[in-house]
Amino acid sequence: MNKKISLIGAPTDIGAGTRGASMGPEALRVAHIAQVLAGHGLEVLDRGNLIGPSNPWLPPVNGYRHLREVVTWNQVLHDAVYAELQDGRLPIVLGGDHCLGIGSISAVARHCRDVGKKLRIVWLDAHADFNTNALTPSGNIHGMPVACLCGHGPQELIEMGGQIPAISPKCIRQIGIRSVDEGEKRFVHEQDLEVFDMRYIDEMGMRAAMELALGLIDTNTHLHVSLD
């Protein structure tokens, strides 16, 4: 287990449809996240907050809201996460809305390619986040990060991390899904994502879902957890 932890704040709600996620990093710090982690014997370094564009709160353009700003935030985050991994530290990103999964996971995938490791992603969310500009009813990019990581999205986002797609759908496990747009639902099925929705959890239990989601992980697998 890597005992060197780096906290990275990403205070933005640039990809969301409501305001407030930008307060997440400070809320987690007020809740003593660093002290709690240190109490488990981990070496914790708080890198502070990343700086990116403010939220202009504009309508969608070509199916995307705030695309330029989302790209900037994710590129800054990608670079920060990748640098920590190169330095042998485990980055924990304090968001921020879930569009940030594009930058963080593309950096992790890049690192895994560098060191020859497999990647397993556990995506804990009520939503599949597999929309595209043609499917989204809102244009909010926080509903698109998994699709972008799998190569379906604007060029500036899908190429982040240096490979298209950044990940294969087969390396991600989605847990707790309960609200999926109709077109998005068909696309998730077409791409064969492994989804443990709330119906599955209600019937089989969280333990069963997690045992399957974490199945076949070995010492050469990097586990990334993303939760919204």
Protein backbone atom coordinates (compact mmCIF):
# COMPACT_ATOMS: atom_id res chain seq x y z
CA MET A 1 0.00 0.00 0.00
CA ASN A 2 1.27 3.46 -0.94
CA LYS A 3 1.45 5.44 2.30
CA LYS A 4 2.28 8.77 0.63
CA ILE A 5 -0.92 10.69 -0.08
CA SER A 6 -1.36 14.01 -1.87
CA LEU A 7 -4.59 15.99 -1.59
CA ILE A 8 -5.43 18.07 -4.67
CA GLY A 9 -8.29 20.56 -4.47
CA ALA A 10 -10.28 21.26 -7.64
CA PRO A 11 -12.87 23.87 -6.62
CA THR A 12 -15.14 24.08 -9.63
CA ASP A 13 -18.73 23.41 -10.67
CA ILE A 14 -17.94 24.19 -14.31
CA GLY A 15 -19.50 20.99 -15.64
CA ALA A 16 -22.61 20.94 -13.46
CA GLY A 17 -26.14 22.21 -13.84
CA THR A 18 -26.35 23.61 -10.32
CA ARG A 19 -23.86 25.60 -8.27
CA GLY A 20 -22.12 24.44 -5.13
CA ALA A 21 -19.66 21.67 -6.01
CA SER A 22 -16.87 24.26 -6.02
CA MET A 23 -17.15 24.36 -2.22
CA GLY A 24 -16.28 20.67 -1.97
CA PRO A 25 -12.53 20.91 -1.31
CA GLU A 26 -12.90 23.31 1.60
CA ALA A 27 -15.82 21.34 3.05
CA LEU A 28 -13.65 18.21 3.08
CA ARG A 29 -10.77 20.10 4.68
CA VAL A 30 -13.09 21.51 7.35
CA ALA A 31 -14.17 17.90 7.98
CA HIS A 32 -10.48 17.12 8.71
CA ILE A 33 -9.85 14.77 5.81
CA ALA A 34 -6.07 15.21 6.12
CA GLN A 35 -6.08 14.49 9.84
CA VAL A 36 -8.28 11.42 9.43
CA LEU A 37 -5.97 9.98 6.77
CA ALA A 38 -2.90 10.77 8.88
CA GLY A 39 -4.55 8.95 11.76
CA HIS A 40 -4.38 5.79 9.67
CA GLY A 41 -0.62 6.05 9.43
CA LEU A 42 -0.50 7.79 6.05
CA GLU A 43 1.86 10.60 5.11
CA VAL A 44 -0.47 13.35 3.89
CA LEU A 45 0.60 16.34 1.83
CA ASP A 46 -2.05 18.93 0.96
CA ARG A 47 -1.14 20.52 -2.37
CA GLY A 48 -3.81 23.20 -2.01
CA ASN A 49 -6.28 24.13 -4.71
CA LEU A 50 -5.73 24.17 -8.44
CA ILE A 51 -6.62 27.36 -10.26
CA GLY A 52 -8.89 27.42 -13.29
CA PRO A 53 -11.49 29.56 -15.03
CA SER A 54 -14.57 30.76 -13.19
CA ASN A 55 -18.03 29.53 -14.12
CA PRO A 56 -19.55 31.85 -16.77
CA TRP A 57 -22.98 30.17 -16.41
CA LEU A 58 -23.80 30.18 -20.12
CA PRO A 59 -26.14 28.03 -22.24
CA PRO A 60 -24.81 25.07 -24.27
CA VAL A 61 -23.05 25.54 -27.60
CA ASN A 62 -23.24 22.56 -29.98
CA GLY A 63 -24.45 20.40 -27.11
CA TYR A 64 -21.73 21.34 -24.60
CA ARG A 65 -21.86 23.84 -21.75
CA HIS A 66 -18.60 25.61 -20.92
CA LEU A 67 -16.48 23.29 -23.08
CA ARG A 68 -13.43 25.56 -23.15
CA GLU A 69 -13.46 26.02 -19.38
CA VAL A 70 -14.03 22.29 -18.78
CA VAL A 71 -11.03 21.47 -20.97
CA THR A 72 -8.83 23.90 -19.03
CA TRP A 73 -9.84 22.55 -15.62
CA ASN A 74 -9.32 18.96 -16.70
CA GLN A 75 -5.95 19.63 -18.30
CA VAL A 76 -4.71 21.35 -15.14
CA LEU A 77 -5.99 18.44 -13.05
CA HIS A 78 -4.52 15.84 -15.41
CA ASP A 79 -1.09 17.42 -15.10
CA ALA A 80 -1.31 17.61 -11.29
CA VAL A 81 -2.46 14.00 -10.86
CA TYR A 82 0.12 12.67 -13.31
CA ALA A 83 2.93 14.54 -11.53
CA GLU A 84 1.98 13.01 -8.17
CA LEU A 85 1.87 9.51 -9.63
CA GLN A 86 5.27 10.01 -11.25
CA ASP A 87 6.58 11.07 -7.85
CA GLY A 88 5.36 7.84 -6.27
CA ARG A 89 2.48 9.43 -4.37
CA LEU A 90 -1.22 8.56 -4.37
CA PRO A 91 -3.31 11.58 -5.41
CA ILE A 92 -6.73 12.13 -3.85
CA VAL A 93 -8.72 14.73 -5.77
CA LEU A 94 -11.13 16.86 -3.77
CA GLY A 95 -13.79 18.06 -6.20
CA GLY A 96 -15.54 19.70 -7.69
CA ASP A 97 -18.14 18.29 -10.07
CA HIS A 98 -17.70 14.94 -11.78
CA CYS A 99 -16.53 16.29 -15.13
CA LEU A 100 -13.15 16.25 -13.35
CA GLY A 101 -13.09 12.48 -13.81
CA ILE A 102 -11.84 13.11 -17.34
CA GLY A 103 -8.63 14.77 -16.24
CA SER A 104 -7.96 12.58 -13.22
CA ILE A 105 -8.61 9.21 -14.86
CA SER A 106 -6.85 10.06 -18.12
CA ALA A 107 -3.78 10.84 -15.98
CA VAL A 108 -4.10 7.55 -14.09
CA ALA A 109 -4.51 5.63 -17.36
CA ARG A 110 -1.40 7.34 -18.74
CA HIS A 111 0.55 6.39 -15.63
CA CYS A 112 -0.62 2.77 -15.91
CA ARG A 113 0.61 2.62 -19.51
CA ASP A 114 3.96 4.05 -18.39
CA VAL A 115 4.50 1.41 -15.71
CA GLY A 116 2.80 -1.52 -17.41
CA LYS A 117 -0.10 -1.89 -15.00
CA LYS A 118 -3.71 -2.81 -15.63
CA LEU A 119 -6.39 -0.35 -14.52
CA ARG A 120 -9.66 -0.99 -12.70
CA ILE A 121 -12.04 1.92 -12.10
CA VAL A 122 -14.87 1.80 -9.57
CA TRP A 123 -17.33 4.58 -10.43
CA LEU A 124 -19.72 5.27 -7.55
CA ASP A 125 -22.50 7.50 -8.83
CA ALA A 126 -26.26 7.73 -9.22
CA HIS A 127 -25.69 8.48 -12.91
CA ALA A 128 -23.88 6.61 -15.68
CA ASP A 129 -22.24 9.83 -16.97
CA PHE A 130 -22.23 8.33 -20.47
CA ASN A 131 -23.96 11.09 -22.39
CA THR A 132 -22.71 12.75 -25.57
CA ASN A 133 -23.63 16.10 -27.08
CA ALA A 134 -26.17 14.27 -29.26
CA LEU A 135 -27.78 12.49 -26.31
CA THR A 136 -27.62 14.99 -23.45
CA PRO A 137 -30.80 16.87 -22.54
CA SER A 138 -28.81 19.58 -20.73
CA GLY A 139 -25.35 19.97 -22.27
CA ASN A 140 -23.77 19.65 -18.82
CA ILE A 141 -20.42 17.90 -19.21
CA HIS A 142 -20.58 16.37 -15.73
CA GLY A 143 -22.93 13.90 -17.42
CA MET A 144 -20.31 12.90 -20.01
CA PRO A 145 -16.97 11.97 -18.37
CA VAL A 146 -17.20 8.19 -18.77
CA ALA A 147 -18.18 8.57 -22.42
CA CYS A 148 -15.27 10.95 -23.00
CA LEU A 149 -12.81 8.57 -21.33
CA CYS A 150 -14.09 5.79 -23.61
CA GLY A 151 -13.48 7.95 -26.70
CA HIS A 152 -16.91 9.51 -27.27
CA GLY A 153 -16.77 13.28 -26.96
CA PRO A 154 -15.01 16.43 -28.13
CA GLN A 155 -11.47 15.99 -29.38
CA GLU A 156 -9.98 18.22 -26.68
CA LEU A 157 -11.31 15.92 -23.96
CA ILE A 158 -10.97 12.46 -25.50
CA GLU A 159 -7.31 12.98 -26.40
CA MET A 160 -6.32 14.12 -22.90
CA GLY A 161 -3.67 11.75 -21.59
CA GLY A 162 -2.24 10.99 -25.01
CA GLN A 163 -4.34 8.01 -26.10
CA ILE A 164 -7.80 7.63 -27.64
CA PRO A 165 -9.67 6.13 -25.94
CA ALA A 166 -8.07 6.76 -22.57
CA ILE A 167 -9.69 3.60 -21.20
CA SER A 168 -11.63 0.59 -22.38
CA PRO A 169 -15.22 0.27 -21.12
CA LYS A 170 -14.18 -3.15 -19.81
CA CYS A 171 -11.99 -1.65 -17.07
CA ILE A 172 -14.79 0.33 -15.40
CA ARG A 173 -17.43 -0.87 -12.93
CA GLN A 174 -20.36 1.45 -12.21
CA ILE A 175 -21.95 1.17 -8.76
CA GLY A 176 -25.24 2.65 -7.52
CA ILE A 177 -26.67 3.84 -10.83
CA ARG A 178 -30.33 4.85 -10.55
CA SER A 179 -30.95 7.70 -13.03
CA VAL A 180 -29.99 7.33 -16.70
CA ASP A 181 -31.33 9.31 -19.66
CA GLU A 182 -33.16 7.19 -22.25
CA GLY A 183 -30.69 7.60 -25.11
CA GLU A 184 -27.80 7.28 -22.69
CA LYS A 185 -29.23 3.98 -21.43
CA ARG A 186 -29.14 2.51 -24.94
CA PHE A 187 -25.58 3.74 -25.45
CA VAL A 188 -24.42 2.19 -22.15
CA HIS A 189 -25.92 -1.12 -23.29
CA GLU A 190 -24.30 -0.88 -26.74
CA GLN A 191 -20.88 -0.23 -25.18
CA ASP A 192 -21.34 -3.15 -22.75
CA LEU A 193 -20.48 -1.26 -19.56
CA GLU A 194 -20.65 -3.33 -16.39
CA VAL A 195 -23.30 -1.65 -14.22
CA PHE A 196 -24.46 -2.56 -10.72
CA ASP A 197 -27.53 -0.38 -10.43
CA MET A 198 -29.64 0.32 -7.36
CA ARG A 199 -32.03 -2.48 -8.23
CA TYR A 200 -29.11 -4.93 -8.18
CA ILE A 201 -27.85 -3.53 -4.88
CA ASP A 202 -31.33 -3.65 -3.32
CA GLU A 203 -31.77 -7.28 -4.37
CA MET A 204 -28.23 -8.65 -3.94
CA GLY A 205 -26.60 -6.22 -1.51
CA MET A 206 -23.62 -3.89 -1.69
CA ARG A 207 -21.18 -6.61 -0.64
CA ALA A 208 -22.09 -8.76 -3.65
CA ALA A 209 -21.77 -5.77 -5.97
CA MET A 210 -18.35 -4.80 -4.62
CA GLU A 211 -17.05 -8.37 -4.68
CA LEU A 212 -17.89 -8.60 -8.37
CA ALA A 213 -16.61 -5.09 -9.12
CA LEU A 214 -13.28 -5.88 -7.48
CA GLY A 215 -13.02 -9.39 -8.87
CA LEU A 216 -9.81 -10.53 -10.59
CA ILE A 217 -7.78 -7.59 -9.29
CA ASP A 218 -4.17 -8.62 -8.77
CA THR A 219 -0.96 -6.95 -7.62
CA ASN A 220 -0.41 -5.61 -11.14
CA THR A 221 -3.72 -3.72 -11.15
CA HIS A 222 -4.06 -0.06 -10.20
CA LEU A 223 -7.42 0.57 -8.52
CA HIS A 224 -8.98 3.99 -9.03
CA VAL A 225 -12.13 4.99 -7.12
CA SER A 226 -14.25 7.91 -8.33
CA LEU A 227 -17.34 8.94 -6.40
CA ASP A 228 -19.97 11.60 -6.87
